Amino acid sequence: MKLKQIITGCALVAGLLAFAPVKSQATVYQNYLVSPFTFKVVGTYVGAKNKLQKVTFTNKDVLNYYFGGTPPNGVILALWDGDVVIYNRLTTLIVADLTTDNVLYANLNEYTYNNYYQKNGFEKYLESGAVEIGYYSNGNQNALDLNDYAFDVYGTYTYIGTVSYPVNGYWNSTESFKTSNLSGEAYDGGYISSGIVQHAGYDYLPATGTANYSGAGVLSAFP
């Protein structure tokens, strides 16, 4: 994200400004925002009695599968430094990096962006582009059906970030990502193998979806 470049630039002048200390309002880990990530991907199929049925994949389903049931208290999916991670808000630690583990990723490809200063002195960054979100429950990205559950969807997105003036070597930072027109393919091994899906000449289901993440916090100019 170009927002990181803005933050880097702010660090050069962070030591020149000193006012009242700013207060943290959200989660930061190793000086990067931890932004809760939510999504809903819906696959459609012809089921019993010749009716269209739906199977849904959400961020909660990913956590339930990973932990083999209800996840521990305080655990969420989040975007951190470009990766999708499992983060525990109670221990303030990253439990797993699902992007590194080839399980879940959100790849953003920016097409256009700009940044400017607002009247309140905050620098605002705007971006739009194309996004691919992929989930592979067993970590096998060679094919969707080599996993118990999987999807691969594409769409367009918008991203907004802000950075405040540095205050005593710190600044407030926010980010917000949204996509509402995802489409692609999904796979649910249980549905396919059980015969619930009628006349499945193709194992994958057509899928649509939405996703978003947002976060805010105080970052240090000198981590």
Protein backbone atom coordinates (compact mmCIF):
# COMPACT_ATOMS: atom_id res chain seq x y z
CA MET A 1 0.00 0.00 0.00
CA LYS A 2 1.15 3.51 -0.76
CA LEU A 3 -0.14 4.43 2.70
CA LYS A 4 3.01 2.86 4.13
CA GLN A 5 5.07 5.23 2.02
CA ILE A 6 3.14 8.15 3.47
CA ILE A 7 3.84 6.90 6.98
CA THR A 8 7.53 6.54 6.18
CA GLY A 9 7.59 10.13 4.98
CA CYS A 10 5.90 11.29 8.14
CA ALA A 11 8.63 9.65 10.19
CA LEU A 12 11.15 12.09 8.78
CA VAL A 13 9.43 14.99 10.49
CA ALA A 14 7.98 13.18 13.52
CA GLY A 15 10.66 14.49 15.82
CA LEU A 16 9.97 18.11 14.86
CA LEU A 17 6.44 18.25 16.30
CA ALA A 18 5.49 17.86 19.95
CA PHE A 19 1.99 18.35 21.31
CA ALA A 20 -0.27 16.45 23.72
CA PRO A 21 0.15 12.67 23.42
CA VAL A 22 -2.33 10.84 21.23
CA LYS A 23 -4.36 7.89 22.48
CA SER A 24 -4.53 4.45 20.92
CA GLN A 25 -8.03 3.41 19.86
CA ALA A 26 -7.42 0.02 18.23
CA THR A 27 -4.97 -2.79 17.69
CA VAL A 28 -1.37 -2.45 16.55
CA TYR A 29 1.12 -5.31 16.35
CA GLN A 30 4.80 -4.70 15.67
CA ASN A 31 3.89 -1.19 14.48
CA TYR A 32 1.36 -2.34 11.84
CA LEU A 33 -2.39 -2.03 12.11
CA VAL A 34 -4.31 -5.21 12.87
CA SER A 35 -7.55 -4.73 10.92
CA PRO A 36 -10.41 -7.22 11.51
CA PHE A 37 -11.22 -9.01 8.25
CA THR A 38 -14.74 -10.21 7.47
CA PHE A 39 -16.14 -11.81 4.34
CA LYS A 40 -19.07 -13.79 3.00
CA VAL A 41 -18.76 -15.95 -0.10
CA VAL A 42 -21.88 -17.78 -1.32
CA GLY A 43 -21.89 -20.75 -3.69
CA THR A 44 -25.09 -21.65 -5.54
CA TYR A 45 -26.17 -25.12 -6.67
CA VAL A 46 -29.23 -27.09 -7.74
CA GLY A 47 -30.31 -29.18 -4.77
CA ALA A 48 -33.12 -31.51 -3.85
CA LYS A 49 -36.58 -30.94 -5.35
CA ASN A 50 -34.96 -28.94 -8.15
CA LYS A 51 -34.51 -25.86 -6.02
CA LEU A 52 -31.56 -23.49 -5.99
CA GLN A 53 -29.63 -23.83 -2.75
CA LYS A 54 -26.73 -21.91 -1.26
CA VAL A 55 -23.64 -22.82 0.72
CA THR A 56 -21.89 -20.01 2.59
CA PHE A 57 -18.25 -19.47 3.53
CA THR A 58 -17.46 -16.76 6.12
CA ASN A 59 -14.52 -15.61 8.22
CA LYS A 60 -16.09 -17.47 11.16
CA ASP A 61 -16.15 -20.70 9.15
CA VAL A 62 -12.43 -20.35 8.46
CA LEU A 63 -11.71 -20.02 12.18
CA ASN A 64 -13.97 -22.93 13.10
CA TYR A 65 -12.25 -25.19 10.57
CA TYR A 66 -8.77 -24.12 11.66
CA PHE A 67 -9.46 -24.85 15.34
CA GLY A 68 -11.64 -27.90 14.72
CA GLY A 69 -14.58 -26.21 16.44
CA THR A 70 -15.28 -22.99 18.31
CA PRO A 71 -12.10 -20.87 18.39
CA PRO A 72 -10.65 -19.52 21.65
CA ASN A 73 -12.05 -16.30 23.08
CA GLY A 74 -10.64 -13.16 21.53
CA VAL A 75 -9.55 -14.78 18.27
CA ILE A 76 -10.30 -13.01 14.97
CA LEU A 77 -9.22 -12.99 11.34
CA ALA A 78 -7.33 -9.82 10.47
CA LEU A 79 -5.19 -8.10 7.85
CA TRP A 80 -1.71 -7.36 9.13
CA ASP A 81 1.15 -6.07 6.99
CA GLY A 82 -0.57 -7.42 3.84
CA ASP A 83 -1.19 -10.93 5.22
CA VAL A 84 -4.35 -12.57 6.53
CA VAL A 85 -3.61 -13.70 10.07
CA ILE A 86 -5.34 -15.21 13.07
CA TYR A 87 -4.95 -12.70 15.90
CA ASN A 88 -5.79 -13.09 19.57
CA ARG A 89 -7.01 -9.82 21.02
CA LEU A 90 -6.61 -11.09 24.59
CA THR A 91 -2.99 -12.16 24.32
CA THR A 92 -2.24 -9.50 21.63
CA LEU A 93 -0.35 -12.12 19.62
CA ILE A 94 -0.61 -13.51 16.11
CA VAL A 95 -1.62 -17.17 16.36
CA ALA A 96 -1.00 -18.05 12.69
CA ASP A 97 -0.21 -16.36 9.39
CA LEU A 98 -2.68 -17.97 6.98
CA THR A 99 -1.17 -16.27 3.95
CA THR A 100 2.27 -17.72 4.70
CA ASP A 101 0.59 -21.09 5.30
CA ASN A 102 -1.07 -20.96 1.83
CA VAL A 103 -4.53 -21.07 3.40
CA LEU A 104 -6.05 -17.61 2.90
CA TYR A 105 -4.90 -14.51 1.06
CA ALA A 106 -6.18 -11.18 -0.22
CA ASN A 107 -4.10 -9.94 -3.15
CA LEU A 108 -4.67 -6.29 -4.02
CA ASN A 109 -3.60 -4.87 -7.37
CA GLU A 110 -3.91 -1.09 -7.35
CA TYR A 111 -4.99 0.61 -10.57
CA THR A 112 -5.28 4.22 -9.42
CA TYR A 113 -4.48 6.15 -6.25
CA ASN A 114 -3.86 9.61 -4.84
CA ASN A 115 -3.14 11.28 -1.51
CA TYR A 116 -3.86 14.78 -0.25
CA TYR A 117 -4.06 16.83 2.95
CA GLN A 118 -7.41 17.48 4.60
CA LYS A 119 -8.40 20.64 6.49
CA ASN A 120 -7.77 18.91 9.82
CA GLY A 121 -4.17 18.28 8.79
CA PHE A 122 -4.61 14.56 8.22
CA GLU A 123 -3.13 13.11 5.08
CA LYS A 124 -5.70 10.98 3.24
CA TYR A 125 -4.94 8.23 0.77
CA LEU A 126 -7.44 6.82 -1.76
CA GLU A 127 -6.96 3.72 -3.88
CA SER A 128 -9.00 1.53 -6.23
CA GLY A 129 -8.08 -1.64 -8.02
CA ALA A 130 -8.67 -5.37 -8.47
CA VAL A 131 -8.59 -7.95 -5.69
CA GLU A 132 -8.35 -11.73 -5.55
CA ILE A 133 -9.31 -13.53 -2.35
CA GLY A 134 -8.48 -17.23 -2.13
CA TYR A 135 -9.20 -19.76 0.59
CA TYR A 136 -7.74 -23.29 0.68
CA SER A 137 -8.66 -25.05 3.92
CA ASN A 138 -5.90 -27.67 3.62
CA GLY A 139 -3.26 -25.31 2.25
CA ASN A 140 -3.19 -26.89 -1.22
CA GLN A 141 -3.44 -24.15 -3.83
CA ASN A 142 -2.95 -26.46 -6.81
CA ALA A 143 -6.73 -26.94 -7.09
CA LEU A 144 -9.84 -26.08 -5.08
CA ASP A 145 -10.96 -29.71 -4.86
CA LEU A 146 -7.70 -30.80 -3.23
CA ASN A 147 -9.07 -29.16 -0.07
CA ASP A 148 -12.09 -29.83 2.11
CA TYR A 149 -13.35 -26.31 1.51
CA ALA A 150 -12.08 -23.65 -0.86
CA PHE A 151 -12.94 -20.65 -2.99
CA ASP A 152 -11.22 -18.29 -5.39
CA VAL A 153 -13.06 -15.03 -6.10
CA TYR A 154 -12.20 -11.78 -7.85
CA GLY A 155 -13.59 -8.27 -7.88
CA THR A 156 -12.83 -4.59 -7.55
CA TYR A 157 -12.13 -2.75 -4.31
CA THR A 158 -11.69 0.65 -2.70
CA TYR A 159 -9.18 1.44 0.01
CA ILE A 160 -9.00 4.58 2.18
CA GLY A 161 -6.22 5.39 4.62
CA THR A 162 -5.43 8.40 6.81
CA VAL A 163 -2.39 9.51 8.77
CA SER A 164 -2.36 12.38 11.28
CA TYR A 165 0.39 14.85 12.00
CA PRO A 166 3.10 13.21 14.14
CA VAL A 167 2.76 13.95 17.86
CA ASN A 168 5.72 13.22 20.12
CA GLY A 169 6.92 10.63 17.60
CA TYR A 170 3.49 9.00 17.13
CA TRP A 171 0.57 9.44 14.78
CA ASN A 172 -2.96 8.18 14.38
CA SER A 173 -3.53 5.92 11.38
CA THR A 174 -6.70 4.40 9.90
CA GLU A 175 -7.48 2.13 6.99
CA SER A 176 -10.64 0.80 5.35
CA PHE A 177 -10.99 -1.75 2.54
CA LYS A 178 -14.26 -2.78 0.84
CA THR A 179 -15.33 -4.99 -2.04
CA SER A 180 -18.93 -5.92 -2.82
CA ASN A 181 -18.78 -7.51 -6.29
CA LEU A 182 -16.67 -10.64 -5.81
CA SER A 183 -17.33 -13.58 -8.14
CA GLY A 184 -15.59 -16.83 -8.98
CA GLU A 185 -15.70 -20.46 -7.86
CA ALA A 186 -16.16 -22.34 -4.59
CA TYR A 187 -15.80 -25.93 -3.47
CA ASP A 188 -17.42 -27.77 -0.57
CA GLY A 189 -16.22 -31.36 -0.44
CA GLY A 190 -19.04 -32.46 1.82
CA TYR A 191 -21.73 -31.24 -0.52
CA ILE A 192 -20.13 -32.72 -3.63
CA SER A 193 -19.37 -36.16 -2.16
CA SER A 194 -22.76 -36.52 -0.49
CA GLY A 195 -24.68 -36.07 -3.73
CA ILE A 196 -26.57 -33.06 -2.40
CA VAL A 197 -25.57 -31.14 -5.52
CA GLN A 198 -27.69 -32.42 -8.38
CA HIS A 199 -26.07 -33.41 -11.72
CA ALA A 200 -22.72 -31.88 -10.82
CA GLY A 201 -20.90 -32.13 -14.12
CA TYR A 202 -18.36 -29.76 -12.61
CA ASP A 203 -17.24 -30.05 -8.99
CA TYR A 204 -16.99 -26.33 -8.39
CA LEU A 205 -19.87 -24.00 -7.58
CA PRO A 206 -20.37 -20.50 -9.01
CA ALA A 207 -19.76 -18.05 -6.18
CA THR A 208 -20.30 -14.41 -5.30
CA GLY A 209 -19.28 -12.47 -2.25
CA THR A 210 -18.32 -9.40 -0.27
CA ALA A 211 -15.37 -8.59 2.01
CA ASN A 212 -14.04 -5.75 4.11
CA TYR A 213 -11.51 -4.87 6.74
CA SER A 214 -10.87 -1.72 8.73
CA GLY A 215 -8.61 -0.67 11.54
CA ALA A 216 -7.26 2.30 13.45
CA GLY A 217 -4.46 2.85 15.89
CA VAL A 218 -1.37 4.75 16.91
CA LEU A 219 1.93 3.95 15.20
CA SER A 220 5.41 4.91 16.25
CA ALA A 221 7.80 6.84 14.07
CA PHE A 222 10.68 4.99 15.68
CA PRO A 223 9.63 1.33 16.25
